[in-house]
């Protein structure tokens, strides 16, 4: 995740990475811990932007799940 934070990746990048991380079942505290750990390197503004993009990615994932369930 540090690279996508440093490069200010769009929400879809986080969605794909969080989907891959789902195998490890990270909770919000672990994700916050990663963001806090990389803040001195990537910069606080990038980490804040990343947090917003993660929230957007989760919203996109929820919307997609709703669409899939309504089509079934």
PDB file of N, CA and C in Angstrom:
ATOM      1  N   UNK A   1       0.798  -1.200   0.000  1.00  0.00           N
ATOM      2  CA  UNK A   1       0.000   0.000   0.000  1.00  0.00           C
ATOM      3  C   UNK A   1       0.845   1.271   0.000  1.00  0.00           C
ATOM      4  N   UNK A   2       2.051   1.266   0.530  1.00  0.00           N
ATOM      5  CA  UNK A   2       2.811   2.527   0.563  1.00  0.00           C
ATOM      6  C   UNK A   2       2.993   3.181  -0.804  1.00  0.00           C
ATOM      7  N   UNK A   3       3.169   2.377  -1.839  1.00  0.00           N
ATOM      8  CA  UNK A   3       3.376   2.978  -3.163  1.00  0.00           C
ATOM      9  C   UNK A   3       2.134   3.680  -3.669  1.00  0.00           C
ATOM     10  N   UNK A   4       0.980   3.078  -3.480  1.00  0.00           N
ATOM     11  CA  UNK A   4      -0.220   3.742  -3.999  1.00  0.00           C
ATOM     12  C   UNK A   4      -0.545   4.999  -3.200  1.00  0.00           C
ATOM     13  N   UNK A   5      -0.151   5.034  -1.932  1.00  0.00           N
ATOM     14  CA  UNK A   5      -0.311   6.253  -1.142  1.00  0.00           C
ATOM     15  C   UNK A   5       0.641   7.324  -1.669  1.00  0.00           C
ATOM     16  N   UNK A   6       1.896   6.958  -1.883  1.00  0.00           N
ATOM     17  CA  UNK A   6       2.899   7.920  -2.342  1.00  0.00           C
ATOM     18  C   UNK A   6       2.567   8.492  -3.710  1.00  0.00           C
ATOM     19  N   UNK A   7       1.934   7.684  -4.557  1.00  0.00           N
ATOM     20  CA  UNK A   7       1.602   8.141  -5.904  1.00  0.00           C
ATOM     21  C   UNK A   7       0.213   8.753  -6.007  1.00  0.00           C
ATOM     22  N   UNK A   8      -0.481   8.882  -4.857  1.00  0.00           N
ATOM     23  CA  UNK A   8      -1.819   9.477  -4.825  1.00  0.00           C
ATOM     24  C   UNK A   8      -2.754   8.758  -5.793  1.00  0.00           C
ATOM     25  N   UNK A   9      -2.813   7.441  -5.632  1.00  0.00           N
ATOM     26  CA  UNK A   9      -3.610   6.603  -6.520  1.00  0.00           C
ATOM     27  C   UNK A   9      -5.108   6.871  -6.345  1.00  0.00           C
ATOM     28  N   UNK A  10      -5.893   6.606  -7.388  1.00  0.00           N
ATOM     29  CA  UNK A  10      -7.340   6.800  -7.313  1.00  0.00           C
ATOM     30  C   UNK A  10      -8.009   5.699  -6.481  1.00  0.00           C
ATOM     31  N   UNK A  11      -9.265   5.917  -6.095  1.00  0.00           N
ATOM     32  CA  UNK A  11      -9.969   4.942  -5.254  1.00  0.00           C
ATOM     33  C   UNK A  11      -9.973   3.516  -5.804  1.00  0.00           C
ATOM     34  N   UNK A  12     -10.075   3.353  -7.107  1.00  0.00           N
ATOM     35  CA  UNK A  12     -10.127   1.995  -7.664  1.00  0.00           C
ATOM     36  C   UNK A  12      -8.855   1.212  -7.347  1.00  0.00           C
ATOM     37  N   UNK A  13      -7.717   1.874  -7.245  1.00  0.00           N
ATOM     38  CA  UNK A  13      -6.473   1.199  -6.875  1.00  0.00           C
ATOM     39  C   UNK A  13      -6.556   0.649  -5.463  1.00  0.00           C
ATOM     40  N   UNK A  14      -7.148   1.419  -4.571  1.00  0.00           N
ATOM     41  CA  UNK A  14      -7.316   0.956  -3.195  1.00  0.00           C
ATOM     42  C   UNK A  14      -8.312  -0.194  -3.138  1.00  0.00           C
ATOM     43  N   UNK A  15      -9.369  -0.100  -3.963  1.00  0.00           N
ATOM     44  CA  UNK A  15     -10.358  -1.166  -3.987  1.00  0.00           C
ATOM     45  C   UNK A  15      -9.703  -2.489  -4.378  1.00  0.00           C
ATOM     46  N   UNK A  16      -8.855  -2.462  -5.381  1.00  0.00           N
ATOM     47  CA  UNK A  16      -8.179  -3.682  -5.812  1.00  0.00           C
ATOM     48  C   UNK A  16      -7.218  -4.195  -4.745  1.00  0.00           C
ATOM     49  N   UNK A  17      -6.503  -3.286  -4.099  1.00  0.00           N
ATOM     50  CA  UNK A  17      -5.564  -3.701  -3.053  1.00  0.00           C
ATOM     51  C   UNK A  17      -6.285  -4.193  -1.802  1.00  0.00           C
ATOM     52  N   UNK A  18      -7.382  -3.553  -1.435  1.00  0.00           N
ATOM     53  CA  UNK A  18      -8.134  -4.004  -0.276  1.00  0.00           C
ATOM     54  C   UNK A  18      -8.792  -5.346  -0.552  1.00  0.00           C
ATOM     55  N   UNK A  19      -9.189  -5.563  -1.799  1.00  0.00           N
ATOM     56  CA  UNK A  19      -9.755  -6.859  -2.171  1.00  0.00           C
ATOM     57  C   UNK A  19      -8.702  -7.954  -1.997  1.00  0.00           C
ATOM     58  N   UNK A  20      -7.481  -7.667  -2.416  1.00  0.00           N
ATOM     59  CA  UNK A  20      -6.395  -8.641  -2.250  1.00  0.00           C
ATOM     60  C   UNK A  20      -6.066  -8.834  -0.769  1.00  0.00           C
ATOM     61  N   UNK A  21      -6.163  -7.770   0.017  1.00  0.00           N
ATOM     62  CA  UNK A  21      -5.856  -7.853   1.448  1.00  0.00           C
ATOM     63  C   UNK A  21      -6.957  -8.557   2.237  1.00  0.00           C
ATOM     64  N   UNK A  22      -8.118  -8.729   1.622  1.00  0.00           N
ATOM     65  CA  UNK A  22      -9.233  -9.371   2.324  1.00  0.00           C
ATOM     66  C   UNK A  22      -8.876 -10.784   2.776  1.00  0.00           C
ATOM     67  N   UNK A  23      -7.948 -11.421   2.092  1.00  0.00           N
ATOM     68  CA  UNK A  23      -7.504 -12.758   2.503  1.00  0.00           C
ATOM     69  C   UNK A  23      -6.888 -12.731   3.902  1.00  0.00           C
ATOM     70  N   UNK A  24      -6.326 -11.580   4.278  1.00  0.00           N
ATOM     71  CA  UNK A  24      -5.697 -11.426   5.588  1.00  0.00           C
ATOM     72  C   UNK A  24      -6.656 -10.821   6.614  1.00  0.00           C
ATOM     73  N   UNK A  25      -7.839 -10.404   6.158  1.00  0.00           N
ATOM     74  CA  UNK A  25      -8.890  -9.840   7.001  1.00  0.00           C
ATOM     75  C   UNK A  25      -8.393  -8.708   7.895  1.00  0.00           C
ATOM     76  N   UNK A  26      -7.827  -7.650   7.293  1.00  0.00           N
ATOM     77  CA  UNK A  26      -7.354  -6.530   8.121  1.00  0.00           C
ATOM     78  C   UNK A  26      -8.536  -5.748   8.695  1.00  0.00           C
ATOM     79  N   UNK A  27      -8.383  -5.277   9.913  1.00  0.00           N
ATOM     80  CA  UNK A  27      -9.429  -4.425  10.475  1.00  0.00           C
ATOM     81  C   UNK A  27      -9.018  -2.961  10.310  1.00  0.00           C
ATOM     82  N   UNK A  28      -9.906  -2.072  10.685  1.00  0.00           N
ATOM     83  CA  UNK A  28      -9.635  -0.648  10.470  1.00  0.00           C
ATOM     84  C   UNK A  28      -8.406  -0.181  11.248  1.00  0.00           C
ATOM     85  N   UNK A  29      -8.168  -0.750  12.421  1.00  0.00           N
ATOM     86  CA  UNK A  29      -7.000  -0.358  13.220  1.00  0.00           C
ATOM     87  C   UNK A  29      -5.699  -0.726  12.505  1.00  0.00           C
ATOM     88  N   UNK A  30      -5.678  -1.863  11.847  1.00  0.00           N
ATOM     89  CA  UNK A  30      -4.470  -2.270  11.115  1.00  0.00           C
ATOM     90  C   UNK A  30      -4.230  -1.368   9.903  1.00  0.00           C
ATOM     91  N   UNK A  31      -5.300  -1.010   9.215  1.00  0.00           N
ATOM     92  CA  UNK A  31      -5.161  -0.109   8.064  1.00  0.00           C
ATOM     93  C   UNK A  31      -4.693   1.263   8.530  1.00  0.00           C
ATOM     94  N   UNK A  32      -5.263   1.747   9.637  1.00  0.00           N
ATOM     95  CA  UNK A  32      -4.828   3.029  10.204  1.00  0.00           C
ATOM     96  C   UNK A  32      -3.365   2.948  10.628  1.00  0.00           C
ATOM     97  N   UNK A  33      -2.958   1.821  11.172  1.00  0.00           N
ATOM     98  CA  UNK A  33      -1.573   1.646  11.582  1.00  0.00           C
ATOM     99  C   UNK A  33      -0.607   1.733  10.413  1.00  0.00           C
ATOM    100  N   UNK A  34      -0.983   1.130   9.302  1.00  0.00           N
ATOM    101  CA  UNK A  34      -0.134   1.206   8.102  1.00  0.00           C
ATOM    102  C   UNK A  34      -0.041   2.654   7.631  1.00  0.00           C
ATOM    103  N   UNK A  35      -1.177   3.330   7.583  1.00  0.00           N
ATOM    104  CA  UNK A  35      -1.164   4.727   7.141  1.00  0.00           C
ATOM    105  C   UNK A  35      -0.323   5.603   8.079  1.00  0.00           C
ATOM    106  N   UNK A  36      -0.437   5.380   9.379  1.00  0.00           N
ATOM    107  CA  UNK A  36       0.361   6.150  10.342  1.00  0.00           C
ATOM    108  C   UNK A  36       1.845   5.849  10.193  1.00  0.00           C
ATOM    109  N   UNK A  37       2.170   4.600   9.899  1.00  0.00           N
ATOM    110  CA  UNK A  37       3.577   4.214   9.768  1.00  0.00           C
ATOM    111  C   UNK A  37       4.232   4.832   8.538  1.00  0.00           C
ATOM    112  N   UNK A  38       3.463   4.988   7.472  1.00  0.00           N
ATOM    113  CA  UNK A  38       4.080   5.519   6.247  1.00  0.00           C
ATOM    114  C   UNK A  38       3.946   7.030   6.116  1.00  0.00           C
ATOM    115  N   UNK A  39       3.213   7.660   7.043  1.00  0.00           N
ATOM    116  CA  UNK A  39       3.029   9.113   6.980  1.00  0.00           C
ATOM    117  C   UNK A  39       4.334   9.896   6.961  1.00  0.00           C
ATOM    118  N   UNK A  40       5.337   9.545   7.777  1.00  0.00           N
ATOM    119  CA  UNK A  40       6.584  10.316   7.726  1.00  0.00           C
ATOM    120  C   UNK A  40       7.321  10.190   6.383  1.00  0.00           C
ATOM    121  N   UNK A  41       7.073   9.110   5.683  1.00  0.00           N
ATOM    122  CA  UNK A  41       7.761   8.882   4.411  1.00  0.00           C
ATOM    123  C   UNK A  41       6.966   9.468   3.246  1.00  0.00           C
ATOM    124  N   UNK A  42       5.684   9.142   3.189  1.00  0.00           N
ATOM    125  CA  UNK A  42       4.851   9.575   2.060  1.00  0.00           C
ATOM    126  C   UNK A  42       4.351  11.001   2.222  1.00  0.00           C
ATOM    127  N   UNK A  43       4.241  11.448   3.459  1.00  0.00           N
ATOM    128  CA  UNK A  43       3.729  12.787   3.727  1.00  0.00           C
ATOM    129  C   UNK A  43       2.304  12.707   4.250  1.00  0.00           C
ATOM    130  N   UNK A  44       2.017  13.570   5.198  1.00  0.00           N
ATOM    131  CA  UNK A  44       0.706  13.562   5.835  1.00  0.00           C
ATOM    132  C   UNK A  44      -0.397  13.870   4.829  1.00  0.00           C
ATOM    133  N   UNK A  45      -0.160  14.803   3.923  1.00  0.00           N
ATOM    134  CA  UNK A  45      -1.214  15.146   2.959  1.00  0.00           C
ATOM    135  C   UNK A  45      -1.548  13.959   2.062  1.00  0.00           C
ATOM    136  N   UNK A  46      -0.547  13.174   1.683  1.00  0.00           N
ATOM    137  CA  UNK A  46      -0.814  11.970   0.870  1.00  0.00           C
ATOM    138  C   UNK A  46      -1.589  10.932   1.666  1.00  0.00           C
ATOM    139  N   UNK A  47      -1.261  10.806   2.945  1.00  0.00           N
ATOM    140  CA  UNK A  47      -1.962   9.836   3.792  1.00  0.00           C
ATOM    141  C   UNK A  47      -3.411  10.256   4.003  1.00  0.00           C
ATOM    142  N   UNK A  48      -3.658  11.537   4.198  1.00  0.00           N
ATOM    143  CA  UNK A  48      -5.026  12.021   4.353  1.00  0.00           C
ATOM    144  C   UNK A  48      -5.813  11.782   3.062  1.00  0.00           C
ATOM    145  N   UNK A  49      -5.195  12.063   1.925  1.00  0.00           N
ATOM    146  CA  UNK A  49      -5.848  11.793   0.641  1.00  0.00           C
ATOM    147  C   UNK A  49      -6.111  10.301   0.484  1.00  0.00           C
ATOM    148  N   UNK A  50      -5.162   9.482   0.902  1.00  0.00           N
ATOM    149  CA  UNK A  50      -5.324   8.033   0.814  1.00  0.00           C
ATOM    150  C   UNK A  50      -6.499   7.567   1.664  1.00  0.00           C
ATOM    151  N   UNK A  51      -6.646   8.118   2.848  1.00  0.00           N
ATOM    152  CA  UNK A  51      -7.760   7.731   3.714  1.00  0.00           C
ATOM    153  C   UNK A  51      -9.097   8.031   3.041  1.00  0.00           C
ATOM    154  N   UNK A  52      -9.183   9.183   2.415  1.00  0.00           N
ATOM    155  CA  UNK A  52     -10.403   9.526   1.676  1.00  0.00           C
ATOM    156  C   UNK A  52     -10.636   8.586   0.508  1.00  0.00           C
ATOM    157  N   UNK A  53      -9.573   8.235  -0.183  1.00  0.00           N
ATOM    158  CA  UNK A  53      -9.709   7.314  -1.317  1.00  0.00           C
ATOM    159  C   UNK A  53     -10.078   5.909  -0.865  1.00  0.00           C
ATOM    160  N   UNK A  54      -9.605   5.506   0.309  1.00  0.00           N
ATOM    161  CA  UNK A  54      -9.977   4.197   0.850  1.00  0.00           C
ATOM    162  C   UNK A  54     -11.474   4.183   1.171  1.00  0.00           C
ATOM    163  N   UNK A  55     -11.969   5.263   1.767  1.00  0.00           N
ATOM    164  CA  UNK A  55     -13.400   5.356   2.070  1.00  0.00           C
ATOM    165  C   UNK A  55     -14.211   5.308   0.777  1.00  0.00           C
ATOM    166  N   UNK A  56     -13.767   6.031  -0.240  1.00  0.00           N
ATOM    167  CA  UNK A  56     -14.458   5.991  -1.534  1.00  0.00           C
ATOM    168  C   UNK A  56     -14.428   4.589  -2.135  1.00  0.00           C
ATOM    169  N   UNK A  57     -13.281   3.921  -2.022  1.00  0.00           N
ATOM    170  CA  UNK A  57     -13.149   2.559  -2.556  1.00  0.00           C
ATOM    171  C   UNK A  57     -14.108   1.607  -1.853  1.00  0.00           C
ATOM    172  N   UNK A  58     -14.236   1.757  -0.541  1.00  0.00           N
ATOM    173  CA  UNK A  58     -15.173   0.909   0.196  1.00  0.00           C
ATOM    174  C   UNK A  58     -16.612   1.189  -0.238  1.00  0.00           C
ATOM    175  N   UNK A  59     -16.921   2.438  -0.500  1.00  0.00           N
ATOM    176  CA  UNK A  59     -18.255   2.794  -1.003  1.00  0.00           C
ATOM    177  C   UNK A  59     -18.519   2.185  -2.363  1.00  0.00           C
ATOM    178  N   UNK A  60     -17.524   2.226  -3.240  1.00  0.00           N
ATOM    179  CA  UNK A  60     -17.654   1.621  -4.565  1.00  0.00           C
ATOM    180  C   UNK A  60     -17.877   0.117  -4.428  1.00  0.00           C
ATOM    181  N   UNK A  61     -17.108  -0.515  -3.547  1.00  0.00           N
ATOM    182  CA  UNK A  61     -17.246  -1.959  -3.344  1.00  0.00           C
ATOM    183  C   UNK A  61     -18.637  -2.305  -2.832  1.00  0.00           C
ATOM    184  N   UNK A  62     -19.164  -1.497  -1.916  1.00  0.00           N
ATOM    185  CA  UNK A  62     -20.513  -1.743  -1.409  1.00  0.00           C
ATOM    186  C   UNK A  62     -21.563  -1.562  -2.496  1.00  0.00           C
ATOM    187  N   UNK A  63     -21.395  -0.538  -3.318  1.00  0.00           N
ATOM    188  CA  UNK A  63     -22.324  -0.324  -4.429  1.00  0.00           C
ATOM    189  C   UNK A  63     -22.305  -1.492  -5.406  1.00  0.00           C
ATOM    190  N   UNK A  64     -21.117  -1.984  -5.711  1.00  0.00           N
ATOM    191  CA  UNK A  64     -21.002  -3.127  -6.613  1.00  0.00           C
ATOM    192  C   UNK A  64     -21.640  -4.371  -6.018  1.00  0.00           C
ATOM    193  N   UNK A  65     -21.455  -4.584  -4.722  1.00  0.00           N
ATOM    194  CA  UNK A  65     -22.059  -5.739  -4.058  1.00  0.00           C
ATOM    195  C   UNK A  65     -23.583  -5.647  -4.104  1.00  0.00           C
ATOM    196  N   UNK A  66     -24.126  -4.445  -3.920  1.00  0.00           N
ATOM    197  CA  UNK A  66     -25.570  -4.260  -4.000  1.00  0.00           C
ATOM    198  C   UNK A  66     -26.097  -4.555  -5.400  1.00  0.00           C
ATOM    199  N   UNK A  67     -25.360  -4.094  -6.411  1.00  0.00           N
ATOM    200  CA  UNK A  67     -25.766  -4.367  -7.793  1.00  0.00           C
ATOM    201  C   UNK A  67     -25.765  -5.856  -8.083  1.00  0.00           C
ATOM    202  N   UNK A  68     -24.715  -6.540  -7.620  1.00  0.00           N
ATOM    203  CA  UNK A  68     -24.627  -7.973  -7.859  1.00  0.00           C
ATOM    204  C   UNK A  68     -25.762  -8.719  -7.164  1.00  0.00           C
ATOM    205  N   UNK A  69     -26.101  -8.313  -5.945  1.00  0.00           N
ATOM    206  CA  UNK A  69     -27.150  -9.012  -5.216  1.00  0.00           C
ATOM    207  C   UNK A  69     -28.532  -8.722  -5.817  1.00  0.00           C
ATOM    208  N   UNK A  70     -28.717  -7.541  -6.372  1.00  0.00           N
ATOM    209  CA  UNK A  70     -30.008  -7.210  -6.976  1.00  0.00           C
ATOM    210  C   UNK A  70     -30.195  -7.909  -8.321  1.00  0.00           C
ATOM    211  N   UNK A  71     -29.094  -8.238  -8.989  1.00  0.00           N
ATOM    212  CA  UNK A  71     -29.173  -8.931 -10.268  1.00  0.00           C
ATOM    213  C   UNK A  71     -29.377 -10.430 -10.091  1.00  0.00           C
ATOM    214  N   UNK A  72     -29.071 -10.950  -8.919  1.00  0.00           N
ATOM    215  CA  UNK A  72     -29.159 -12.411  -8.699  1.00  0.00           C
ATOM    216  C   UNK A  72     -30.564 -12.877  -8.438  1.00  0.00           C
TER     217      UNK A  72
END
